[in-house]
Amino acid sequence: MDYFEFIPQKLIDFLLVTLYSLIIGMTVRRLYSEKEGTIEKLFGSDRTLTFIGILGYILFMANPETLVPYLGGGLIVSIFLGIYYYRKTQDKENFGFTTLIVALITYCIPLLVLTQPPWFTILVVVTVLFFTESKKSFVEISRKFDKDEFITLAKFLAIAGVILPIIPIESIVPFLEITPFNIWIAVVVISGISYFSYLLRKFVFINSGITVSALLGGLYSSTATTIILAKKGRDADNNATPFAIGIILSMAMMYFRILILMFIFNRALATHLMPYFIIMIFVSIAAAGLIYFRNKRFKNVIESGIGVDKNPLEFKVALIFTLLFVSFSFITYFVIEWFGIQGLNILSWIVGVSDIDPFLLNLFQGKFNVDLNLIALSTMQSVISNNIIKTIYASVIAGPNLRKNVVIGMLIIIVANVVLLFFLL
């Protein structure tokens, strides 16, 4: 027997309104009780907001068809709150408006309980609680913003939400199925990943050590991370092991980033290569673990991280990526047309000396006359080539101790990648 069916629905609604209003009121009381002497000067907290919610319920039920009593009550409550706010600004010169808005939202709780699905009402209550409790957090975050931080955010919103929808989807080159939309969606995705990594490093992992910085750096650019860590490790060559571990872990994030790009642009290819890339992620982590245990007695270093990158949405960065993307579109097309499969194989080895993302994105979303396995093969080959170049970069820049550990770790990754490559042949 379902005993709840004997409970009147109006009673359930009333209890929910009372509970939600009380929770919001208790949150307001707790917030202002932390400020000595302010709770007495507040217009009300737990009981007052509970009564406001109950009042809204009573007036709503008085005439749920026209809602005239409810709307009139809302007007009266607003007038009282307005009078309180006027006196508050005159007496204390305090212009805070938050508690008044919370009171008006509480008055709307009965309307939500009686007309909206339960999940929406709970969502509103949780949102109110979250933002009421998060004042200090928002103040601390706002202090960390540079003067140009919101301009950076505006740039990302512009390229993703304003420019992208109006970009033409028709091909601009008759013999090449490349459209302005293809080009710009690639810019948006790469910029989005870079901006996400940038925000994590700047606002979440602010004082992160070398390991976390390397992981986030690998999500943005493993090549740049390798060069930065190699330079820093050279200055701390006697304690270079953490820098070597960071370089190797950035390789794991590179494989993860490329796998994300495949899932965005080519699901079939991502499904085909996912086992190989997961293996390579674990191989990279294992190589970093090997370096750690080989040098377990290394001295502790002050892990200051690798710093926060410059704004990843600079115009010149987007322009360079766009030019590379378009260039690789033409290069890849003509190489396949003139030299066939063998030409694409050679090209995939050559592009490793530069940024491989434009080349890979062309393969992932370009409609070239090649089968899926050849695209997978070219992807793996370009990654191997890029890893070899990064090994050379680190070897040239780093000191002796760092060079030895990096070469060992990178050789493990490269050999494992070559072995997996043979399974694709």
Protein backbone atom coordinates (compact mmCIF):
# COMPACT_ATOMS: atom_id res chain seq x y z
CA MET A 1 0.00 0.00 0.00
CA ASP A 2 1.31 3.46 -0.90
CA TYR A 3 0.77 5.52 2.26
CA PHE A 4 1.86 8.73 0.51
CA GLU A 5 -1.31 8.71 -1.60
CA PHE A 6 -3.30 9.50 1.56
CA ILE A 7 -1.28 12.66 2.20
CA PRO A 8 -3.01 15.70 0.65
CA GLN A 9 -1.02 17.25 -2.17
CA LYS A 10 -1.57 20.71 -0.71
CA LEU A 11 0.11 19.59 2.52
CA ILE A 12 3.12 18.30 0.59
CA ASP A 13 3.35 21.56 -1.36
CA PHE A 14 3.08 23.63 1.82
CA LEU A 15 5.81 21.63 3.56
CA LEU A 16 8.10 21.96 0.54
CA VAL A 17 7.58 25.73 0.39
CA THR A 18 8.27 26.01 4.12
CA LEU A 19 11.37 23.81 3.91
CA TYR A 20 12.89 25.60 0.92
CA SER A 21 12.20 29.03 2.42
CA LEU A 22 13.67 28.00 5.78
CA ILE A 23 16.83 26.63 4.14
CA ILE A 24 17.35 29.88 2.25
CA GLY A 25 16.68 31.90 5.41
CA MET A 26 19.14 29.85 7.48
CA THR A 27 21.76 30.38 4.80
CA VAL A 28 21.25 34.15 5.00
CA ARG A 29 21.46 34.06 8.82
CA ARG A 30 24.67 32.01 8.77
CA LEU A 31 26.22 34.34 6.21
CA TYR A 32 25.49 37.52 8.15
CA SER A 33 26.15 36.05 11.60
CA GLU A 34 29.80 35.78 10.53
CA LYS A 35 29.85 39.59 10.28
CA GLU A 36 29.77 40.87 13.83
CA GLY A 37 26.88 43.21 14.47
CA THR A 38 25.25 42.91 11.07
CA ILE A 39 22.59 40.26 11.78
CA GLU A 40 20.68 42.62 14.11
CA LYS A 41 20.56 45.28 11.38
CA LEU A 42 19.22 42.88 8.78
CA PHE A 43 15.52 43.09 7.88
CA GLY A 44 15.19 39.37 8.65
CA SER A 45 16.72 35.99 8.05
CA ASP A 46 15.49 32.45 8.70
CA ARG A 47 12.03 33.09 10.17
CA THR A 48 11.33 36.18 8.06
CA LEU A 49 12.16 34.45 4.78
CA THR A 50 10.13 31.42 5.88
CA PHE A 51 7.13 33.67 6.53
CA ILE A 52 7.63 35.35 3.15
CA GLY A 53 7.51 31.93 1.47
CA ILE A 54 4.40 30.91 3.43
CA LEU A 55 2.73 34.23 2.61
CA GLY A 56 3.38 33.64 -1.07
CA TYR A 57 1.85 30.17 -0.83
CA ILE A 58 -1.30 31.42 0.92
CA LEU A 59 -1.85 34.25 -1.56
CA PHE A 60 -1.20 31.94 -4.52
CA MET A 61 -3.77 29.41 -3.27
CA ALA A 62 -6.31 32.19 -2.62
CA ASN A 63 -6.85 32.54 -6.38
CA PRO A 64 -4.56 30.32 -8.47
CA GLU A 65 -6.42 31.19 -11.69
CA THR A 66 -5.89 34.97 -11.86
CA LEU A 67 -3.05 35.23 -9.28
CA VAL A 68 -4.33 38.69 -8.31
CA PRO A 69 -3.79 38.18 -4.53
CA TYR A 70 -0.33 36.70 -5.19
CA LEU A 71 0.74 39.57 -7.44
CA GLY A 72 -0.67 42.13 -5.00
CA GLY A 73 1.21 40.51 -2.14
CA GLY A 74 4.39 40.57 -4.18
CA LEU A 75 3.92 44.28 -4.80
CA ILE A 76 3.41 44.96 -1.07
CA VAL A 77 6.48 42.89 -0.11
CA SER A 78 8.51 44.78 -2.72
CA ILE A 79 7.36 48.12 -1.29
CA PHE A 80 8.37 47.11 2.25
CA LEU A 81 11.75 45.90 1.01
CA GLY A 82 12.18 49.14 -0.92
CA ILE A 83 11.49 51.21 2.21
CA TYR A 84 13.99 49.11 4.16
CA TYR A 85 16.60 49.53 1.43
CA TYR A 86 16.10 53.30 1.35
CA ARG A 87 16.57 53.60 5.12
CA LYS A 88 19.59 51.29 4.97
CA THR A 89 21.33 53.40 2.36
CA GLN A 90 20.55 56.58 4.28
CA ASP A 91 21.66 55.36 7.71
CA LYS A 92 24.61 53.09 6.89
CA GLU A 93 25.48 54.02 3.31
CA ASN A 94 25.39 50.30 2.57
CA PHE A 95 24.16 49.68 -0.96
CA GLY A 96 24.20 45.88 -0.87
CA PHE A 97 21.10 44.48 -2.57
CA THR A 98 21.64 40.72 -2.31
CA THR A 99 19.40 39.89 0.65
CA LEU A 100 16.49 41.81 -0.87
CA ILE A 101 16.75 39.85 -4.11
CA VAL A 102 16.95 36.62 -2.10
CA ALA A 103 13.76 37.64 -0.27
CA LEU A 104 11.93 38.22 -3.57
CA ILE A 105 13.16 34.87 -4.91
CA THR A 106 11.87 33.25 -1.71
CA TYR A 107 8.46 34.82 -2.37
CA CYS A 108 8.53 33.12 -5.79
CA ILE A 109 9.22 29.66 -4.32
CA PRO A 110 5.48 28.79 -3.99
CA LEU A 111 4.95 29.72 -7.63
CA LEU A 112 7.73 27.29 -8.63
CA VAL A 113 6.56 24.47 -6.33
CA LEU A 114 2.98 24.67 -7.63
CA THR A 115 3.62 25.21 -11.34
CA GLN A 116 7.04 23.76 -12.21
CA PRO A 117 8.57 20.27 -12.07
CA PRO A 118 10.38 19.44 -8.80
CA TRP A 119 13.84 19.38 -10.41
CA PHE A 120 13.50 23.01 -11.52
CA THR A 121 12.52 24.22 -8.06
CA ILE A 122 15.43 22.35 -6.50
CA LEU A 123 17.74 23.82 -9.14
CA VAL A 124 16.64 27.36 -8.24
CA VAL A 125 17.09 26.74 -4.50
CA VAL A 126 20.52 25.16 -4.97
CA THR A 127 21.60 28.04 -7.21
CA VAL A 128 20.49 30.61 -4.63
CA LEU A 129 22.36 28.75 -1.87
CA PHE A 130 25.50 28.43 -3.99
CA PHE A 131 25.72 32.09 -4.96
CA THR A 132 24.77 33.28 -1.48
CA GLU A 133 27.58 31.26 0.08
CA SER A 134 30.16 32.02 -2.62
CA LYS A 135 30.66 35.75 -2.09
CA LYS A 136 34.17 35.39 -0.66
CA SER A 137 35.18 32.96 -3.39
CA PHE A 138 34.02 35.34 -6.11
CA VAL A 139 35.86 38.24 -4.48
CA GLU A 140 39.07 36.21 -4.36
CA ILE A 141 38.68 35.09 -7.97
CA SER A 142 38.00 38.62 -9.20
CA ARG A 143 41.25 39.80 -7.60
CA LYS A 144 43.16 37.30 -9.73
CA PHE A 145 41.83 38.67 -13.00
CA ASP A 146 44.17 40.74 -15.09
CA LYS A 147 42.87 43.93 -16.65
CA ASP A 148 42.57 42.18 -20.03
CA GLU A 149 41.01 38.95 -18.72
CA PHE A 150 37.45 39.81 -19.72
CA ILE A 151 38.67 40.94 -23.12
CA THR A 152 40.15 37.46 -23.51
CA LEU A 153 36.81 35.89 -22.56
CA ALA A 154 35.02 38.22 -24.98
CA LYS A 155 37.37 37.11 -27.75
CA PHE A 156 36.57 33.45 -27.14
CA LEU A 157 32.82 34.12 -27.03
CA ALA A 158 33.15 36.11 -30.25
CA ILE A 159 35.01 33.43 -32.21
CA ALA A 160 32.78 30.64 -30.87
CA GLY A 161 29.36 32.23 -30.61
CA VAL A 162 29.32 35.15 -33.04
CA ILE A 163 31.69 34.45 -35.92
CA LEU A 164 31.23 30.66 -36.19
CA PRO A 165 27.44 30.65 -36.83
CA ILE A 166 27.73 33.15 -39.71
CA ILE A 167 30.68 31.49 -41.46
CA PRO A 168 29.70 30.05 -44.89
CA ILE A 169 29.56 26.27 -45.16
CA GLU A 170 30.05 26.21 -48.94
CA SER A 171 33.39 25.11 -50.37
CA ILE A 172 35.63 27.95 -51.53
CA VAL A 173 37.91 25.76 -53.67
CA PRO A 174 36.23 23.57 -56.33
CA PHE A 175 38.71 20.69 -56.15
CA LEU A 176 39.14 20.79 -52.37
CA GLU A 177 36.28 20.13 -49.97
CA ILE A 178 37.37 22.76 -47.49
CA THR A 179 34.95 25.40 -46.28
CA PRO A 180 35.40 28.52 -44.14
CA PHE A 181 33.30 26.74 -41.53
CA ASN A 182 35.75 23.80 -41.43
CA ILE A 183 38.62 26.21 -40.94
CA TRP A 184 36.95 28.23 -38.21
CA ILE A 185 35.58 25.24 -36.28
CA ALA A 186 39.16 23.97 -36.07
CA VAL A 187 40.26 27.35 -34.71
CA VAL A 188 37.41 27.31 -32.16
CA VAL A 189 38.20 23.79 -30.91
CA ILE A 190 41.94 24.37 -30.57
CA SER A 191 41.34 27.77 -28.95
CA GLY A 192 38.78 26.22 -26.60
CA ILE A 193 41.18 23.51 -25.39
CA SER A 194 43.99 26.05 -24.99
CA TYR A 195 41.74 28.52 -23.15
CA PHE A 196 40.43 25.77 -20.84
CA SER A 197 44.01 24.78 -19.95
CA TYR A 198 44.90 28.45 -19.45
CA LEU A 199 41.98 29.00 -17.04
CA LEU A 200 42.80 25.88 -15.04
CA ARG A 201 46.40 26.95 -14.58
CA LYS A 202 45.54 30.54 -13.70
CA PHE A 203 42.52 30.14 -11.42
CA VAL A 204 42.37 26.53 -10.19
CA PHE A 205 45.93 25.24 -9.97
CA ILE A 206 47.49 28.61 -9.19
CA ASN A 207 50.51 27.44 -7.20
CA SER A 208 50.67 24.01 -8.76
CA GLY A 209 53.94 22.12 -8.91
CA ILE A 210 55.84 20.93 -11.92
CA THR A 211 53.75 17.78 -12.39
CA VAL A 212 50.35 19.48 -12.53
CA SER A 213 51.73 22.33 -14.63
CA ALA A 214 53.20 19.82 -17.08
CA LEU A 215 49.91 17.95 -17.38
CA LEU A 216 47.99 21.14 -18.08
CA GLY A 217 50.73 22.37 -20.38
CA GLY A 218 50.55 19.15 -22.37
CA LEU A 219 46.86 19.76 -22.87
CA TYR A 220 47.76 23.10 -24.46
CA SER A 221 51.07 22.33 -26.23
CA SER A 222 53.41 19.49 -25.33
CA THR A 223 56.17 21.01 -27.47
CA ALA A 224 56.06 24.35 -25.64
CA THR A 225 55.91 22.54 -22.29
CA THR A 226 58.93 20.41 -23.21
CA ILE A 227 61.00 23.47 -24.13
CA ILE A 228 60.01 25.41 -20.98
CA LEU A 229 60.70 22.49 -18.64
CA ALA A 230 63.99 21.70 -20.37
CA LYS A 231 65.16 25.29 -19.84
CA LYS A 232 64.10 25.30 -16.19
CA GLY A 233 65.60 21.86 -15.62
CA ARG A 234 68.93 23.03 -17.02
CA ASP A 235 69.16 25.61 -14.24
CA ALA A 236 68.46 22.91 -11.63
CA ASP A 237 70.42 20.09 -13.20
CA ASN A 238 71.29 18.44 -9.88
CA ASN A 239 67.57 18.19 -9.10
CA ALA A 240 66.31 17.72 -12.65
CA THR A 241 64.20 14.59 -12.14
CA PRO A 242 60.87 16.40 -11.54
CA PHE A 243 61.38 18.32 -14.79
CA ALA A 244 62.07 15.11 -16.70
CA ILE A 245 58.94 13.53 -15.22
CA GLY A 246 56.95 16.62 -16.21
CA ILE A 247 58.16 16.42 -19.81
CA ILE A 248 57.18 12.75 -20.08
CA LEU A 249 53.76 13.35 -18.50
CA SER A 250 53.08 16.14 -20.98
CA MET A 251 53.36 13.44 -23.67
CA ALA A 252 50.50 11.55 -22.01
CA MET A 253 48.36 14.68 -22.19
CA MET A 254 49.30 15.13 -25.86
CA TYR A 255 47.85 11.70 -26.65
CA PHE A 256 44.77 12.58 -24.61
CA ARG A 257 44.34 15.90 -26.46
CA ILE A 258 44.63 14.27 -29.88
CA LEU A 259 42.11 11.62 -28.83
CA ILE A 260 39.67 14.39 -27.86
CA LEU A 261 40.15 16.04 -31.26
CA MET A 262 39.45 12.72 -33.00
CA PHE A 263 36.21 12.25 -31.08
CA ILE A 264 35.12 15.77 -32.03
CA PHE A 265 35.94 15.58 -35.75
CA ASN A 266 36.05 11.89 -36.68
CA ARG A 267 34.26 9.41 -34.42
CA ALA A 268 35.10 6.42 -36.61
CA LEU A 269 38.81 7.21 -36.47
CA ALA A 270 38.63 7.81 -32.72
CA THR A 271 37.01 4.41 -32.19
CA HIS A 272 39.66 2.80 -34.39
CA LEU A 273 42.64 4.43 -32.65
CA MET A 274 41.33 4.70 -29.10
CA PRO A 275 42.94 1.42 -27.86
CA TYR A 276 46.31 2.50 -29.27
CA PHE A 277 46.14 5.95 -27.71
CA ILE A 278 45.01 4.62 -24.34
CA ILE A 279 47.99 2.25 -24.39
CA MET A 280 50.30 5.16 -25.22
CA ILE A 281 48.87 7.24 -22.36
CA PHE A 282 49.64 4.44 -19.92
CA VAL A 283 53.07 3.87 -21.48
CA SER A 284 53.87 7.57 -20.97
CA ILE A 285 52.75 7.41 -17.34
CA ALA A 286 54.78 4.23 -16.84
CA ALA A 287 57.86 5.89 -18.37
CA ALA A 288 57.45 8.81 -15.96
CA GLY A 289 57.12 6.32 -13.09
CA LEU A 290 60.29 4.55 -14.19
CA ILE A 291 62.23 7.83 -14.14
CA TYR A 292 60.87 8.56 -10.68
CA PHE A 293 61.93 5.20 -9.21
CA ARG A 294 65.32 5.31 -10.94
CA ASN A 295 65.98 8.62 -9.20
CA LYS A 296 64.04 8.11 -6.02
CA ARG A 297 66.71 9.78 -3.93
CA PHE A 298 66.69 13.04 -5.80
CA LYS A 299 66.58 16.14 -3.64
CA ASN A 300 63.31 17.92 -3.23
CA VAL A 301 62.95 21.05 -5.33
CA ILE A 302 60.66 23.96 -4.78
CA GLU A 303 57.98 23.20 -7.33
CA SER A 304 57.00 26.57 -8.63
CA GLY A 305 55.44 25.16 -11.79
CA ILE A 306 56.09 26.43 -15.27
CA GLY A 307 54.16 29.67 -15.06
CA VAL A 308 50.99 30.79 -16.79
CA ASP A 309 51.08 31.02 -20.54
CA LYS A 310 50.27 34.17 -22.38
CA ASN A 311 46.76 34.72 -23.59
CA PRO A 312 46.10 31.71 -25.88
CA LEU A 313 43.54 33.69 -27.89
CA GLU A 314 45.91 36.31 -29.27
CA PHE A 315 45.03 37.28 -32.82
CA LYS A 316 48.42 36.34 -34.22
CA VAL A 317 48.15 32.84 -32.71
CA ALA A 318 44.76 32.27 -34.35
CA LEU A 319 46.05 33.76 -37.61
CA ILE A 320 49.11 31.49 -37.68
CA PHE A 321 46.99 28.42 -36.94
CA THR A 322 44.51 29.38 -39.68
CA LEU A 323 47.31 29.84 -42.22
CA LEU A 324 48.86 26.51 -41.24
CA PHE A 325 45.49 24.78 -41.46
CA VAL A 326 44.78 26.15 -44.94
CA SER A 327 48.34 25.43 -46.08
CA PHE A 328 48.18 21.81 -44.92
CA SER A 329 44.81 21.44 -46.63
CA PHE A 330 46.37 22.29 -49.99
CA ILE A 331 49.62 20.43 -49.30
CA THR A 332 47.83 17.26 -48.22
CA TYR A 333 45.49 17.36 -51.22
CA PHE A 334 48.25 17.82 -53.81
CA VAL A 335 50.54 15.26 -52.15
CA ILE A 336 47.77 12.66 -52.33
CA GLU A 337 46.89 13.63 -55.92
CA TRP A 338 50.47 13.59 -57.21
CA PHE A 339 52.18 10.96 -55.05
CA GLY A 340 49.31 8.87 -53.68
CA ILE A 341 49.52 6.86 -50.48
CA GLN A 342 53.31 6.88 -50.40
CA GLY A 343 53.33 10.67 -50.54
CA LEU A 344 50.94 10.96 -47.58
CA ASN A 345 53.12 8.56 -45.59
CA ILE A 346 56.21 10.68 -46.22
CA LEU A 347 54.33 13.91 -45.47
CA SER A 348 53.11 12.55 -42.12
CA TRP A 349 56.74 11.98 -41.09
CA ILE A 350 57.83 15.44 -42.25
CA VAL A 351 55.11 17.47 -40.46
CA GLY A 352 56.40 16.33 -37.08
CA VAL A 353 58.98 19.11 -37.16
CA SER A 354 56.19 21.69 -36.82
CA ASP A 355 52.85 21.97 -35.04
CA ILE A 356 51.03 18.76 -35.99
CA ASP A 357 47.55 19.94 -34.95
CA PRO A 358 46.70 21.68 -38.28
CA PHE A 359 47.81 18.60 -40.23
CA LEU A 360 45.90 16.21 -37.97
CA LEU A 361 42.71 18.29 -38.08
CA ASN A 362 42.89 18.24 -41.87
CA LEU A 363 43.11 14.46 -41.78
CA PHE A 364 40.31 14.18 -39.23
CA GLN A 365 37.77 16.35 -41.05
CA GLY A 366 39.18 16.51 -44.58
CA LYS A 367 37.37 14.36 -47.15
CA PHE A 368 40.46 13.08 -48.90
CA ASN A 369 40.26 10.02 -51.08
CA VAL A 370 41.98 7.74 -48.55
CA ASP A 371 40.66 5.00 -46.30
CA LEU A 372 40.37 5.16 -42.53
CA ASN A 373 43.34 2.91 -41.85
CA LEU A 374 45.67 5.16 -43.86
CA ILE A 375 44.49 8.21 -41.88
CA ALA A 376 45.16 6.27 -38.68
CA LEU A 377 48.61 5.30 -39.93
CA SER A 378 49.44 8.90 -40.87
CA THR A 379 48.25 10.12 -37.48
CA MET A 380 50.53 7.72 -35.61
CA GLN A 381 53.48 8.51 -37.87
CA SER A 382 53.16 12.27 -37.38
CA VAL A 383 52.96 11.78 -33.61
CA ILE A 384 56.10 9.62 -33.61
CA SER A 385 57.92 12.19 -35.73
CA ASN A 386 56.83 14.99 -33.39
CA ASN A 387 58.04 13.01 -30.36
CA ILE A 388 61.45 12.54 -32.00
CA ILE A 389 61.70 16.30 -32.59
CA LYS A 390 60.75 17.02 -28.96
CA THR A 391 63.42 14.57 -27.80
CA ILE A 392 65.98 16.49 -29.86
CA TYR A 393 64.74 19.82 -28.46
CA ALA A 394 65.03 18.59 -24.87
CA SER A 395 68.45 17.00 -25.49
CA VAL A 396 69.88 20.22 -26.92
CA ILE A 397 68.40 22.55 -24.30
CA ALA A 398 68.65 20.44 -21.13
CA GLY A 399 71.62 19.74 -18.89
CA PRO A 400 73.31 16.29 -18.67
CA ASN A 401 71.15 14.78 -15.90
CA LEU A 402 67.88 16.00 -17.37
CA ARG A 403 68.95 14.95 -20.87
CA LYS A 404 69.63 11.38 -19.77
CA ASN A 405 66.26 10.92 -18.06
CA VAL A 406 64.28 12.59 -20.85
CA VAL A 407 65.96 10.51 -23.55
CA ILE A 408 65.22 7.29 -21.62
CA GLY A 409 61.57 8.22 -21.14
CA MET A 410 61.06 9.47 -24.69
CA LEU A 411 62.74 6.39 -26.19
CA ILE A 412 60.31 4.18 -24.26
CA ILE A 413 57.40 6.19 -25.67
CA ILE A 414 58.76 6.24 -29.23
CA VAL A 415 59.58 2.51 -29.28
CA ALA A 416 56.12 1.63 -27.91
CA ASN A 417 54.53 3.89 -30.52
CA VAL A 418 56.53 2.27 -33.33
CA VAL A 419 55.51 -1.20 -32.13
CA LEU A 420 51.84 -0.18 -32.19
CA LEU A 421 52.39 1.33 -35.63
CA PHE A 422 53.18 -2.11 -37.03
CA PHE A 423 49.76 -3.33 -35.92
CA LEU A 424 48.23 -0.71 -38.24
CA LEU A 425 50.24 -1.73 -41.29
